[in-house]
C-alpha atoms as a PDB file:
ATOM      1  CA  MET A   1     -45.544 -72.843  13.950  1.00  0.00           C
ATOM      2  CA  LYS A   2     -47.997 -72.017  16.746  1.00  0.00           C
ATOM      3  CA  ASN A   3     -46.399 -68.587  17.200  1.00  0.00           C
ATOM      4  CA  PHE A   4     -46.199 -67.913  13.471  1.00  0.00           C
ATOM      5  CA  PHE A   5     -48.756 -65.082  13.601  1.00  0.00           C
ATOM      6  CA  LYS A   6     -48.321 -64.100  17.261  1.00  0.00           C
ATOM      7  CA  GLY A   7     -46.245 -61.745  19.322  1.00  0.00           C
ATOM      8  CA  LYS A   8     -45.981 -58.879  16.831  1.00  0.00           C
ATOM      9  CA  VAL A   9     -46.938 -55.299  17.702  1.00  0.00           C
ATOM     10  CA  TYR A  10     -47.326 -53.678  14.301  1.00  0.00           C
ATOM     11  CA  PRO A  11     -48.367 -52.646  11.605  1.00  0.00           C
ATOM     12  CA  ASN A  12     -50.872 -49.820  11.780  1.00  0.00           C
ATOM     13  CA  PHE A  13     -52.418 -47.812   8.936  1.00  0.00           C
ATOM     14  CA  LYS A  14     -49.426 -45.470   8.827  1.00  0.00           C
ATOM     15  CA  ASP A  15     -47.046 -48.401   8.321  1.00  0.00           C
ATOM     16  CA  ILE A  16     -49.094 -49.663   5.362  1.00  0.00           C
ATOM     17  CA  VAL A  17     -49.145 -46.211   3.739  1.00  0.00           C
ATOM     18  CA  ILE A  18     -45.389 -45.909   4.198  1.00  0.00           C
ATOM     19  CA  LEU A  19     -44.843 -49.290   2.541  1.00  0.00           C
ATOM     20  CA  LEU A  20     -47.049 -48.316  -0.420  1.00  0.00           C
ATOM     21  CA  GLY A  21     -45.209 -45.012  -0.758  1.00  0.00           C
ATOM     22  CA  VAL A  22     -41.848 -46.751  -0.680  1.00  0.00           C
ATOM     23  CA  PHE A  23     -43.081 -49.171  -3.355  1.00  0.00           C
ATOM     24  CA  VAL A  24     -44.035 -46.314  -5.719  1.00  0.00           C
ATOM     25  CA  ILE A  25     -40.817 -44.386  -5.075  1.00  0.00           C
ATOM     26  CA  SER A  26     -38.750 -47.547  -5.477  1.00  0.00           C
ATOM     27  CA  MET A  27     -40.488 -48.319  -8.780  1.00  0.00           C
ATOM     28  CA  LEU A  28     -39.626 -44.877 -10.167  1.00  0.00           C
ATOM     29  CA  LEU A  29     -36.044 -45.012  -8.893  1.00  0.00           C
ATOM     30  CA  SER A  30     -35.569 -48.531 -10.288  1.00  0.00           C
ATOM     31  CA  LYS A  31     -36.709 -47.472 -13.755  1.00  0.00           C
ATOM     32  CA  LEU A  32     -34.495 -44.384 -13.586  1.00  0.00           C
ATOM     33  CA  ALA A  33     -31.458 -46.354 -12.418  1.00  0.00           C
ATOM     34  CA  VAL A  34     -31.846 -49.027 -15.091  1.00  0.00           C
ATOM     35  CA  SER A  35     -32.392 -46.384 -17.788  1.00  0.00           C
ATOM     36  CA  LEU A  36     -29.248 -44.519 -16.730  1.00  0.00           C
ATOM     37  CA  VAL A  37     -27.203 -47.725 -16.767  1.00  0.00           C
ATOM     38  CA  SER A  38     -28.577 -48.530 -20.207  1.00  0.00           C
ATOM     39  CA  TYR A  39     -27.728 -45.074 -21.461  1.00  0.00           C
ATOM     40  CA  PHE A  40     -24.119 -45.095 -20.277  1.00  0.00           C
ATOM     41  CA  ILE A  41     -23.520 -48.657 -21.466  1.00  0.00           C
ATOM     42  CA  GLY A  42     -25.323 -48.501 -24.786  1.00  0.00           C
ATOM     43  CA  TYR A  43     -24.561 -44.993 -26.032  1.00  0.00           C
ATOM     44  CA  PRO A  44     -23.159 -43.512 -28.139  1.00  0.00           C
ATOM     45  CA  GLU A  45     -24.097 -45.984 -30.874  1.00  0.00           C
ATOM     46  CA  GLY A  46     -20.569 -46.297 -32.150  1.00  0.00           C
ATOM     47  CA  HIS A  47     -19.272 -47.457 -28.751  1.00  0.00           C
ATOM     48  CA  ARG A  48     -22.009 -49.927 -27.820  1.00  0.00           C
ATOM     49  CA  THR A  49     -20.490 -52.632 -25.620  1.00  0.00           C
ATOM     50  CA  LEU A  50     -23.674 -54.438 -24.491  1.00  0.00           C
ATOM     51  CA  GLU A  51     -27.012 -54.926 -26.181  1.00  0.00           C
ATOM     52  CA  ILE A  52     -29.714 -53.633 -23.832  1.00  0.00           C
ATOM     53  CA  THR A  53     -33.280 -54.359 -24.928  1.00  0.00           C
ATOM     54  CA  ASP A  54     -36.472 -52.830 -23.558  1.00  0.00           C
ATOM     55  CA  ASP A  55     -37.448 -56.302 -22.396  1.00  0.00           C
ATOM     56  CA  LEU A  56     -34.307 -56.631 -20.328  1.00  0.00           C
ATOM     57  CA  LEU A  57     -34.731 -53.121 -18.934  1.00  0.00           C
ATOM     58  CA  LEU A  58     -38.263 -53.863 -17.757  1.00  0.00           C
ATOM     59  CA  SER A  59     -37.174 -57.110 -16.126  1.00  0.00           C
ATOM     60  CA  LEU A  60     -34.232 -55.515 -14.347  1.00  0.00           C
ATOM     61  CA  ALA A  61     -36.365 -52.592 -13.152  1.00  0.00           C
ATOM     62  CA  TYR A  62     -39.036 -54.957 -11.859  1.00  0.00           C
ATOM     63  CA  ILE A  63     -36.552 -57.153  -9.978  1.00  0.00           C
ATOM     64  CA  LEU A  64     -34.694 -54.173  -8.525  1.00  0.00           C
ATOM     65  CA  ASN A  65     -37.969 -52.597  -7.407  1.00  0.00           C
ATOM     66  CA  PHE A  66     -39.151 -55.649  -5.448  1.00  0.00           C
ATOM     67  CA  VAL A  67     -35.723 -56.391  -3.994  1.00  0.00           C
ATOM     68  CA  LEU A  68     -35.493 -52.827  -2.659  1.00  0.00           C
ATOM     69  CA  VAL A  69     -39.029 -52.907  -1.222  1.00  0.00           C
ATOM     70  CA  ILE A  70     -38.526 -56.302   0.451  1.00  0.00           C
ATOM     71  CA  PHE A  71     -35.180 -55.145   1.861  1.00  0.00           C
ATOM     72  CA  PHE A  72     -36.798 -51.947   3.173  1.00  0.00           C
ATOM     73  CA  ALA A  73     -39.747 -53.852   4.659  1.00  0.00           C
ATOM     74  CA  LEU A  74     -37.468 -56.218   6.582  1.00  0.00           C
ATOM     75  CA  ILE A  75     -35.377 -53.352   7.967  1.00  0.00           C
ATOM     76  CA  TYR A  76     -38.440 -51.234   8.732  1.00  0.00           C
ATOM     77  CA  ARG A  77     -40.259 -53.977  10.628  1.00  0.00           C
ATOM     78  CA  HIS A  78     -37.088 -54.632  12.641  1.00  0.00           C
ATOM     79  CA  GLN A  79     -36.706 -50.962  13.562  1.00  0.00           C
ATOM     80  CA  ARG A  80     -40.426 -50.467  14.107  1.00  0.00           C
ATOM     81  CA  ALA A  81     -41.192 -53.564  16.139  1.00  0.00           C
ATOM     82  CA  GLY A  82     -37.953 -55.464  16.678  1.00  0.00           C
ATOM     83  CA  LEU A  83     -39.051 -58.280  14.370  1.00  0.00           C
ATOM     84  CA  ASP A  84     -36.450 -60.535  12.804  1.00  0.00           C
ATOM     85  CA  ASP A  85     -36.911 -63.474  10.474  1.00  0.00           C
ATOM     86  CA  LYS A  86     -34.382 -66.021  11.659  1.00  0.00           C
ATOM     87  CA  PRO A  87     -33.115 -68.553   9.084  1.00  0.00           C
ATOM     88  CA  GLY A  88     -34.939 -71.370  10.860  1.00  0.00           C
ATOM     89  CA  SER A  89     -38.302 -69.623  10.817  1.00  0.00           C
ATOM     90  CA  MET A  90     -37.857 -68.628   7.175  1.00  0.00           C
ATOM     91  CA  LEU A  91     -37.107 -72.221   6.212  1.00  0.00           C
ATOM     92  CA  LYS A  92     -40.298 -73.329   7.966  1.00  0.00           C
ATOM     93  CA  ARG A  93     -42.243 -70.972   5.734  1.00  0.00           C
ATOM     94  CA  PHE A  94     -40.911 -72.854   2.718  1.00  0.00           C
ATOM     95  CA  LYS A  95     -42.154 -76.219   3.924  1.00  0.00           C
ATOM     96  CA  LEU A  96     -43.747 -78.613   1.448  1.00  0.00           C
ATOM     97  CA  VAL A  97     -47.487 -79.212   1.646  1.00  0.00           C
ATOM     98  CA  SER A  98     -49.940 -81.840   0.496  1.00  0.00           C
ATOM     99  CA  PRO A  99     -50.579 -81.905  -3.284  1.00  0.00           C
ATOM    100  CA  ALA A 100     -54.289 -81.769  -2.428  1.00  0.00           C
ATOM    101  CA  TYR A 101     -53.842 -78.198  -1.149  1.00  0.00           C
ATOM    102  CA  LEU A 102     -52.080 -77.240  -4.374  1.00  0.00           C
ATOM    103  CA  LEU A 103     -54.759 -78.826  -6.551  1.00  0.00           C
ATOM    104  CA  TRP A 104     -57.495 -77.135  -4.560  1.00  0.00           C
ATOM    105  CA  GLY A 105     -55.643 -73.824  -4.870  1.00  0.00           C
ATOM    106  CA  VAL A 106     -55.369 -74.170  -8.653  1.00  0.00           C
ATOM    107  CA  ILE A 107     -59.101 -74.928  -8.901  1.00  0.00           C
ATOM    108  CA  LEU A 108     -59.942 -71.877  -6.786  1.00  0.00           C
ATOM    109  CA  MET A 109     -57.728 -69.599  -8.876  1.00  0.00           C
ATOM    110  CA  VAL A 110     -59.352 -70.810 -12.086  1.00  0.00           C
ATOM    111  CA  ALA A 111     -62.740 -70.233 -10.469  1.00  0.00           C
ATOM    112  CA  ALA A 112     -61.729 -66.695  -9.491  1.00  0.00           C
ATOM    113  CA  SER A 113     -60.624 -65.992 -13.078  1.00  0.00           C
ATOM    114  CA  VAL A 114     -63.944 -67.234 -14.461  1.00  0.00           C
ATOM    115  CA  VAL A 115     -65.971 -65.154 -11.989  1.00  0.00           C
ATOM    116  CA  THR A 116     -64.027 -61.923 -12.541  1.00  0.00           C
ATOM    117  CA  GLU A 117     -63.842 -62.231 -16.338  1.00  0.00           C
ATOM    118  CA  PRO A 118     -67.214 -60.495 -17.006  1.00  0.00           C
ATOM    119  CA  VAL A 119     -66.195 -57.680 -14.632  1.00  0.00           C
ATOM    120  CA  MET A 120     -62.882 -57.258 -16.455  1.00  0.00           C
ATOM    121  CA  CYS A 121     -64.734 -57.029 -19.774  1.00  0.00           C
ATOM    122  CA  LEU A 122     -66.510 -53.938 -18.428  1.00  0.00           C
ATOM    123  CA  PHE A 123     -63.175 -52.128 -18.710  1.00  0.00           C
ATOM    124  CA  PRO A 124     -62.101 -52.632 -22.341  1.00  0.00           C
ATOM    125  CA  LYS A 125     -59.404 -49.966 -22.149  1.00  0.00           C
ATOM    126  CA  SER A 126     -57.758 -51.715 -19.225  1.00  0.00           C
ATOM    127  CA  MET A 127     -58.041 -55.045 -21.068  1.00  0.00           C
ATOM    128  CA  GLU A 128     -56.461 -53.468 -24.126  1.00  0.00           C
ATOM    129  CA  LYS A 129     -53.644 -52.073 -22.003  1.00  0.00           C
ATOM    130  CA  MET A 130     -53.085 -55.511 -20.470  1.00  0.00           C
ATOM    131  CA  TYR A 131     -53.011 -57.055 -23.947  1.00  0.00           C
ATOM    132  CA  GLU A 132     -50.461 -54.497 -25.177  1.00  0.00           C
ATOM    133  CA  LEU A 133     -48.322 -55.169 -22.113  1.00  0.00           C
ATOM    134  CA  MET A 134     -48.309 -58.914 -22.733  1.00  0.00           C
ATOM    135  CA  ALA A 135     -47.799 -58.429 -26.459  1.00  0.00           C
ATOM    136  CA  GLY A 136     -44.691 -56.373 -25.740  1.00  0.00           C
ATOM    137  CA  MET A 137     -43.145 -59.083 -23.589  1.00  0.00           C
ATOM    138  CA  GLY A 138     -40.076 -60.785 -24.956  1.00  0.00           C
ATOM    139  CA  TRP A 139     -38.754 -64.080 -23.653  1.00  0.00           C
ATOM    140  CA  ILE A 140     -36.830 -62.373 -20.820  1.00  0.00           C
ATOM    141  CA  MET A 141     -39.926 -60.634 -19.502  1.00  0.00           C
ATOM    142  CA  VAL A 142     -41.962 -63.831 -19.885  1.00  0.00           C
ATOM    143  CA  LEU A 143     -39.425 -65.716 -17.760  1.00  0.00           C
ATOM    144  CA  THR A 144     -39.520 -62.908 -15.209  1.00  0.00           C
ATOM    145  CA  SER A 145     -43.306 -62.966 -15.086  1.00  0.00           C
ATOM    146  CA  VAL A 146     -43.600 -66.738 -14.770  1.00  0.00           C
ATOM    147  CA  PHE A 147     -40.629 -67.639 -12.547  1.00  0.00           C
ATOM    148  CA  ILE A 148     -39.277 -64.585 -10.717  1.00  0.00           C
ATOM    149  CA  ALA A 149     -42.481 -62.616 -10.077  1.00  0.00           C
ATOM    150  CA  PRO A 150     -44.162 -65.370  -8.026  1.00  0.00           C
ATOM    151  CA  ILE A 151     -41.170 -65.564  -5.682  1.00  0.00           C
ATOM    152  CA  LEU A 152     -40.709 -61.823  -5.123  1.00  0.00           C
ATOM    153  CA  GLU A 153     -44.417 -60.985  -4.927  1.00  0.00           C
ATOM    154  CA  GLU A 154     -45.264 -63.787  -2.505  1.00  0.00           C
ATOM    155  CA  LEU A 155     -42.338 -62.912  -0.252  1.00  0.00           C
ATOM    156  CA  LEU A 156     -43.650 -59.355  -0.026  1.00  0.00           C
ATOM    157  CA  PHE A 157     -47.443 -59.645  -0.122  1.00  0.00           C
ATOM    158  CA  ARG A 158     -47.969 -62.931   1.725  1.00  0.00           C
ATOM    159  CA  GLY A 159     -44.750 -63.466   3.672  1.00  0.00           C
ATOM    160  CA  ILE A 160     -44.422 -59.918   5.049  1.00  0.00           C
ATOM    161  CA  VAL A 161     -47.598 -57.871   4.497  1.00  0.00           C
ATOM    162  CA  GLN A 162     -50.217 -60.541   5.199  1.00  0.00           C
ATOM    163  CA  GLY A 163     -48.205 -62.150   7.975  1.00  0.00           C
ATOM    164  CA  ASP A 164     -47.750 -58.932   9.939  1.00  0.00           C
ATOM    165  CA  ILE A 165     -51.286 -57.616   9.408  1.00  0.00           C
ATOM    166  CA  THR A 166     -52.693 -60.999  10.461  1.00  0.00           C
ATOM    167  CA  ALA A 167     -50.604 -60.854  13.620  1.00  0.00           C
ATOM    168  CA  LYS A 168     -52.307 -57.694  14.829  1.00  0.00           C
ATOM    169  CA  TYR A 169     -55.737 -57.647  13.212  1.00  0.00           C
ATOM    170  CA  GLY A 170     -56.512 -61.320  12.553  1.00  0.00           C
ATOM    171  CA  ALA A 171     -56.587 -63.641   9.559  1.00  0.00           C
ATOM    172  CA  THR A 172     -59.605 -62.104   7.813  1.00  0.00           C
ATOM    173  CA  THR A 173     -58.156 -58.589   7.805  1.00  0.00           C
ATOM    174  CA  GLY A 174     -54.703 -59.855   6.857  1.00  0.00           C
ATOM    175  CA  ILE A 175     -55.988 -61.771   3.842  1.00  0.00           C
ATOM    176  CA  PHE A 176     -58.307 -59.012   2.587  1.00  0.00           C
ATOM    177  CA  VAL A 177     -55.857 -56.113   3.060  1.00  0.00           C
ATOM    178  CA  SER A 178     -52.971 -57.953   1.385  1.00  0.00           C
ATOM    179  CA  ALA A 179     -55.307 -58.872  -1.508  1.00  0.00           C
ATOM    180  CA  VAL A 180     -56.395 -55.232  -1.899  1.00  0.00           C
ATOM    181  CA  ILE A 181     -52.779 -54.033  -1.963  1.00  0.00           C
ATOM    182  CA  PHE A 182     -51.897 -56.852  -4.364  1.00  0.00           C
ATOM    183  CA  GLY A 183     -54.682 -55.710  -6.704  1.00  0.00           C
ATOM    184  CA  LEU A 184     -53.912 -51.985  -6.488  1.00  0.00           C
ATOM    185  CA  LEU A 185     -50.235 -52.408  -7.314  1.00  0.00           C
ATOM    186  CA  HIS A 186     -51.018 -54.206 -10.571  1.00  0.00           C
ATOM    187  CA  GLY A 187     -51.646 -50.794 -12.041  1.00  0.00           C
ATOM    188  CA  ASN A 188     -54.874 -51.111 -14.048  1.00  0.00           C
ATOM    189  CA  THR A 189     -58.513 -51.952 -13.359  1.00  0.00           C
ATOM    190  CA  ALA A 190     -58.713 -55.198 -15.329  1.00  0.00           C
ATOM    191  CA  GLN A 191     -55.628 -56.742 -13.752  1.00  0.00           C
ATOM    192  CA  GLY A 192     -56.490 -55.256 -10.364  1.00  0.00           C
ATOM    193  CA  VAL A 193     -59.891 -56.981 -10.151  1.00  0.00           C
ATOM    194  CA  SER A 194     -58.415 -60.336 -11.134  1.00  0.00           C
ATOM    195  CA  ALA A 195     -55.390 -59.875  -8.872  1.00  0.00           C
ATOM    196  CA  PHE A 196     -57.607 -59.050  -5.872  1.00  0.00           C
ATOM    197  CA  CYS A 197     -59.573 -62.306  -6.178  1.00  0.00           C
ATOM    198  CA  THR A 198     -56.385 -64.255  -6.853  1.00  0.00           C
ATOM    199  CA  GLY A 199     -54.874 -62.603  -3.777  1.00  0.00           C
ATOM    200  CA  LEU A 200     -57.794 -63.822  -1.667  1.00  0.00           C
ATOM    201  CA  VAL A 201     -57.166 -67.396  -2.790  1.00  0.00           C
ATOM    202  CA  LEU A 202     -53.405 -67.151  -2.267  1.00  0.00           C
ATOM    203  CA  GLY A 203     -53.897 -65.521   1.132  1.00  0.00           C
ATOM    204  CA  PHE A 204     -56.301 -68.223   2.244  1.00  0.00           C
ATOM    205  CA  VAL A 205     -53.954 -71.008   1.129  1.00  0.00           C
ATOM    206  CA  PHE A 206     -50.996 -69.292   2.815  1.00  0.00           C
ATOM    207  CA  TYR A 207     -52.853 -68.967   6.103  1.00  0.00           C
ATOM    208  CA  ARG A 208     -53.948 -72.592   5.989  1.00  0.00           C
ATOM    209  CA  THR A 209     -50.545 -74.009   5.034  1.00  0.00           C
ATOM    210  CA  HIS A 210     -48.091 -71.412   6.438  1.00  0.00           C
ATOM    211  CA  SER A 211     -46.047 -72.307   3.350  1.00  0.00           C
ATOM    212  CA  LEU A 212     -44.579 -69.775   0.943  1.00  0.00           C
ATOM    213  CA  TRP A 213     -43.701 -72.645  -1.401  1.00  0.00           C
ATOM    214  CA  ALA A 214     -47.404 -73.391  -1.803  1.00  0.00           C
ATOM    215  CA  VAL A 215     -48.409 -69.864  -2.801  1.00  0.00           C
ATOM    216  CA  ILE A 216     -45.309 -69.397  -4.965  1.00  0.00           C
ATOM    217  CA  PHE A 217     -46.225 -72.559  -6.859  1.00  0.00           C
ATOM    218  CA  LEU A 218     -49.863 -71.450  -7.278  1.00  0.00           C
ATOM    219  CA  HIS A 219     -48.738 -67.995  -8.409  1.00  0.00           C
ATOM    220  CA  PHE A 220     -46.413 -69.652 -10.918  1.00  0.00           C
ATOM    221  CA  ILE A 221     -49.273 -71.769 -12.289  1.00  0.00           C
ATOM    222  CA  ASN A 222     -51.502 -68.695 -12.576  1.00  0.00           C
ATOM    223  CA  ASN A 223     -48.938 -66.644 -14.504  1.00  0.00           C
ATOM    224  CA  ALA A 224     -47.922 -69.590 -16.678  1.00  0.00           C
ATOM    225  CA  LEU A 225     -51.557 -70.260 -17.652  1.00  0.00           C
ATOM    226  CA  ALA A 226     -51.968 -66.587 -18.588  1.00  0.00           C
ATOM    227  CA  GLN A 227     -48.948 -66.807 -20.882  1.00  0.00           C
ATOM    228  CA  VAL A 228     -50.177 -70.064 -22.457  1.00  0.00           C
ATOM    229  CA  LEU A 229     -53.612 -68.563 -23.123  1.00  0.00           C
ATOM    230  CA  PHE A 230     -51.988 -65.522 -24.675  1.00  0.00           C
ATOM    231  CA  ILE A 231     -49.911 -67.729 -26.979  1.00  0.00           C
ATOM    232  CA  PHE A 232     -52.987 -69.593 -28.183  1.00  0.00           C
ATOM    233  CA  MET A 233     -55.038 -66.381 -28.415  1.00  0.00           C
ATOM    234  CA  PRO A 234     -52.648 -64.012 -30.142  1.00  0.00           C
ATOM    235  CA  GLY A 235     -55.281 -61.909 -31.849  1.00  0.00           C
ATOM    236  CA  LYS A 236     -56.246 -58.720 -30.036  1.00  0.00           C
ATOM    237  CA  ASP A 237     -59.960 -59.076 -30.774  1.00  0.00           C
ATOM    238  CA  LEU A 238     -59.915 -62.741 -29.758  1.00  0.00           C
ATOM    239  CA  TYR A 239     -58.109 -61.942 -26.514  1.00  0.00           C
ATOM    240  CA  LEU A 240     -60.726 -59.312 -25.647  1.00  0.00           C
ATOM    241  CA  GLU A 241     -63.522 -61.781 -26.408  1.00  0.00           C
ATOM    242  CA  SER A 242     -65.620 -62.932 -23.462  1.00  0.00           C
ATOM    243  CA  LEU A 243     -65.373 -66.490 -22.148  1.00  0.00           C
ATOM    244  CA  ARG A 244     -69.062 -66.970 -22.907  1.00  0.00           C
ATOM    245  CA  ASN A 245     -68.540 -66.228 -26.596  1.00  0.00           C
ATOM    246  CA  ILE A 246     -65.439 -68.404 -26.740  1.00  0.00           C
ATOM    247  CA  ILE A 247     -67.317 -71.410 -25.295  1.00  0.00           C
ATOM    248  CA  GLY A 248     -70.209 -70.745 -27.655  1.00  0.00           C
ATOM    249  CA  ILE A 249     -72.831 -72.760 -25.732  1.00  0.00           C
ATOM    250  CA  ASP A 250     -74.629 -70.696 -23.118  1.00  0.00           C
ATOM    251  CA  TRP A 251     -75.782 -73.481 -20.807  1.00  0.00           C
ATOM    252  CA  ILE A 252     -72.254 -74.902 -20.533  1.00  0.00           C
ATOM    253  CA  TYR A 253     -70.917 -71.440 -19.727  1.00  0.00           C
ATOM    254  CA  TYR A 254     -73.603 -70.869 -17.089  1.00  0.00           C
ATOM    255  CA  ILE A 255     -72.781 -74.192 -15.395  1.00  0.00           C
ATOM    256  CA  ILE A 256     -69.068 -73.373 -15.353  1.00  0.00           C
ATOM    257  CA  TYR A 257     -69.736 -69.852 -14.068  1.00  0.00           C
ATOM    258  CA  GLY A 258     -72.190 -71.076 -11.414  1.00  0.00           C
ATOM    259  CA  ILE A 259     -69.753 -73.655 -10.048  1.00  0.00           C
ATOM    260  CA  SER A 260     -66.926 -71.108 -10.078  1.00  0.00           C
ATOM    261  CA  LEU A 261     -69.028 -68.499  -8.293  1.00  0.00           C
ATOM    262  CA  LEU A 262     -70.087 -71.038  -5.644  1.00  0.00           C
ATOM    263  CA  LEU A 263     -66.455 -72.022  -4.994  1.00  0.00           C
ATOM    264  CA  LEU A 264     -65.389 -68.398  -4.674  1.00  0.00           C
ATOM    265  CA  ILE A 265     -68.275 -67.588  -2.323  1.00  0.00           C
ATOM    266  CA  ILE A 266     -67.390 -70.577  -0.127  1.00  0.00           C
ATOM    267  CA  THR A 267     -63.781 -69.369   0.007  1.00  0.00           C
ATOM    268  CA  VAL A 268     -64.803 -65.824   0.990  1.00  0.00           C
ATOM    269  CA  VAL A 269     -67.154 -67.174   3.677  1.00  0.00           C
ATOM    270  CA  LYS A 270     -64.351 -69.328   5.066  1.00  0.00           C
ATOM    271  CA  ILE A 271     -62.027 -66.316   5.136  1.00  0.00           C
ATOM    272  CA  ILE A 272     -64.630 -64.257   7.012  1.00  0.00           C
ATOM    273  CA  ARG A 273     -65.220 -67.099   9.472  1.00  0.00           C
ATOM    274  CA  LEU A 274     -61.496 -67.165  10.240  1.00  0.00           C
ATOM    275  CA  GLY A 275     -61.948 -63.800  11.939  1.00  0.00           C
ATOM    276  CA  GLN A 276     -64.749 -65.156  14.121  1.00  0.00           C
ATOM    277  CA  LYS A 277     -62.678 -68.222  14.940  1.00  0.00           C
ATOM    278  CA  ASN A 278     -59.774 -66.013  16.008  1.00  0.00           C
ATOM    279  CA  LYS A 279     -62.083 -64.018  18.289  1.00  0.00           C
ATOM    280  CA  ASN A 280     -63.420 -67.205  19.863  1.00  0.00           C
ATOM    281  CA  ASP A 281     -59.861 -68.481  20.375  1.00  0.00           C
ATOM    282  CA  GLU A 282     -58.855 -65.192  22.008  1.00  0.00           C
ATOM    283  CA  ASN A 283     -61.895 -65.289  24.312  1.00  0.00           C
ATOM    284  CA  GLU A 284     -61.085 -68.876  25.230  1.00  0.00           C
ATOM    285  CA  ARG A 285     -57.463 -67.996  25.941  1.00  0.00           C
ATOM    286  CA  SER A 286     -58.590 -65.031  28.039  1.00  0.00           C
ATOM    287  CA  SER A 287     -60.936 -67.274  30.004  1.00  0.00           C
ATOM    288  CA  GLN A 288     -58.173 -69.807  30.529  1.00  0.00           C
ATOM    289  CA  ASN A 289     -55.842 -67.052  31.701  1.00  0.00           C
ATOM    290  CA  ILE A 290     -58.462 -65.795  34.181  1.00  0.00           C
ATOM    291  CA  ILE A 291     -59.051 -69.340  35.448  1.00  0.00           C
ATOM    292  CA  GLY A 292     -55.304 -69.843  35.664  1.00  0.00           C
ATOM    293  CA  ILE A 293     -54.892 -66.652  37.689  1.00  0.00           C
ATOM    294  CA  GLU A 294     -57.723 -67.711  40.028  1.00  0.00           C
ATOM    295  CA  ASN A 295     -56.127 -71.131  40.459  1.00  0.00           C
ATOM    296  CA  VAL A 296     -52.785 -69.508  41.223  1.00  0.00           C
ATOM    297  CA  GLU A 297     -54.418 -67.246  43.786  1.00  0.00           C
ATOM    298  CA  GLN A 298     -56.218 -70.222  45.359  1.00  0.00           C
ATOM    299  CA  ASN A 299     -52.960 -72.179  45.466  1.00  0.00           C
ATOM    300  CA  GLU A 300     -51.205 -69.232  47.057  1.00  0.00           C
ATOM    301  CA  GLU A 301     -53.959 -68.944  49.663  1.00  0.00           C
ATOM    302  CA  SER A 302     -53.731 -72.694  50.336  1.00  0.00           C
ATOM    303  CA  GLU A 303     -49.973 -72.453  50.712  1.00  0.00           C
ATOM    304  CA  ILE A 304     -50.370 -69.534  53.122  1.00  0.00           C
ATOM    305  CA  LEU A 305     -52.940 -71.454  55.224  1.00  0.00           C
ATOM    306  CA  PHE A 306     -50.745 -74.548  55.136  1.00  0.00           C
ATOM    307  CA  SER A 307     -47.703 -72.589  56.229  1.00  0.00           C
ATOM    308  CA  GLN A 308     -49.733 -70.945  58.991  1.00  0.00           C
ATOM    309  CA  LYS A 309     -50.837 -74.373  60.227  1.00  0.00           C
ATOM    310  CA  GLU A 310     -47.237 -75.557  60.125  1.00  0.00           C
ATOM    311  CA  ASN A 311     -46.167 -72.521  62.127  1.00  0.00           C
ATOM    312  CA  ARG A 312     -48.909 -73.170  64.684  1.00  0.00           C
ATOM    313  CA  GLY A 313     -47.812 -76.796  64.882  1.00  0.00           C
ATOM    314  CA  GLU A 314     -44.237 -75.746  65.486  1.00  0.00           C
ATOM    315  CA  GLU A 315     -45.387 -73.308  68.188  1.00  0.00           C
ATOM    316  CA  VAL A 316     -47.408 -76.075  69.895  1.00  0.00           C
ATOM    317  CA  GLU A 317     -44.436 -78.403  69.799  1.00  0.00           C
ATOM    318  CA  GLN A 318     -42.208 -75.693  71.236  1.00  0.00           C
ATOM    319  CA  GLU A 319     -44.704 -75.045  74.019  1.00  0.00           C
ATOM    320  CA  GLY A 320     -44.836 -78.795  74.663  1.00  0.00           C
ATOM    321  CA  GLU A 321     -41.060 -78.921  74.958  1.00  0.00           C
ATOM    322  CA  LYS A 322     -41.173 -76.090  77.482  1.00  0.00           C
ATOM    323  CA  TRP A 323     -43.756 -77.929  79.591  1.00  0.00           C
ATOM    324  CA  ARG A 324     -41.649 -81.099  79.417  1.00  0.00           C
ATOM    325  CA  ASP A 325     -38.636 -79.174  80.630  1.00  0.00           C
ATOM    326  CA  VAL A 326     -40.649 -77.733  83.506  1.00  0.00           C
ATOM    327  CA  LYS A 327     -42.124 -81.101  84.451  1.00  0.00           C
ATOM    328  CA  PHE A 328     -38.827 -82.908  84.558  1.00  0.00           C
END
């Protein structure tokens, strides 16, 4: 795992823009393809052979979109930089980690949700759109959101995007850029703010553990909690209510918010310090390389001097043999 984030030569800004463009195009094509399939299978009404619901269409379009983007990303990175994910290295990324990491990750994600909740409430239209989206979810879309989305999204955003950006620009940039992209692609302001902070937590855990299983599990917990809260808060007005009003006691809310904010700040500071640590490691490696080169040069000089002495010794012995021959 030492070379997990090393030895790669891309991506640059152009590569990131291309990936975002492919994501948008793939999303449109996926919706179009699924709609066409639905039309030819389900119509005309009198010849319906398969019941196609909007819920199923959305799920199929979502899955097709991410599968196409992940497939493109793997091919593109191979053509662009000759990078291949061998089965062995991929299996290492799915290694199990300590439950303590998972518990800490869950706590950090809850903290991020608490901290961003007041910011999300500043965008009531986005909150209302998010509510309508969740209200329109049937059981198929719920299963997709809770079980399939964590796998596909973590493969793309953490496994590919963060991994490759980290390789070239360092851990701090990799975590922040992947979190920004993760937030932008959620499509609205309310979800984007929450997704960005969640992406920071997931990115930090992924860098620390090098385990896709860990971030997939945390992503699953996050989406499952959102669905559970929605079930117990079915009313639109209640769902748009602030956490402070739901708790009802200001001092309890302020304690919870203060602790959550402190945890999130500590996480961000640790992420930023990763960049400094990487620079120090690179400087240390550079120094070691310079010392190693100097040692090699000194060894080469010593070998040259030693060989010269040996040659002189051989010449002396040869001269001695000549004198012996002359004497006798």
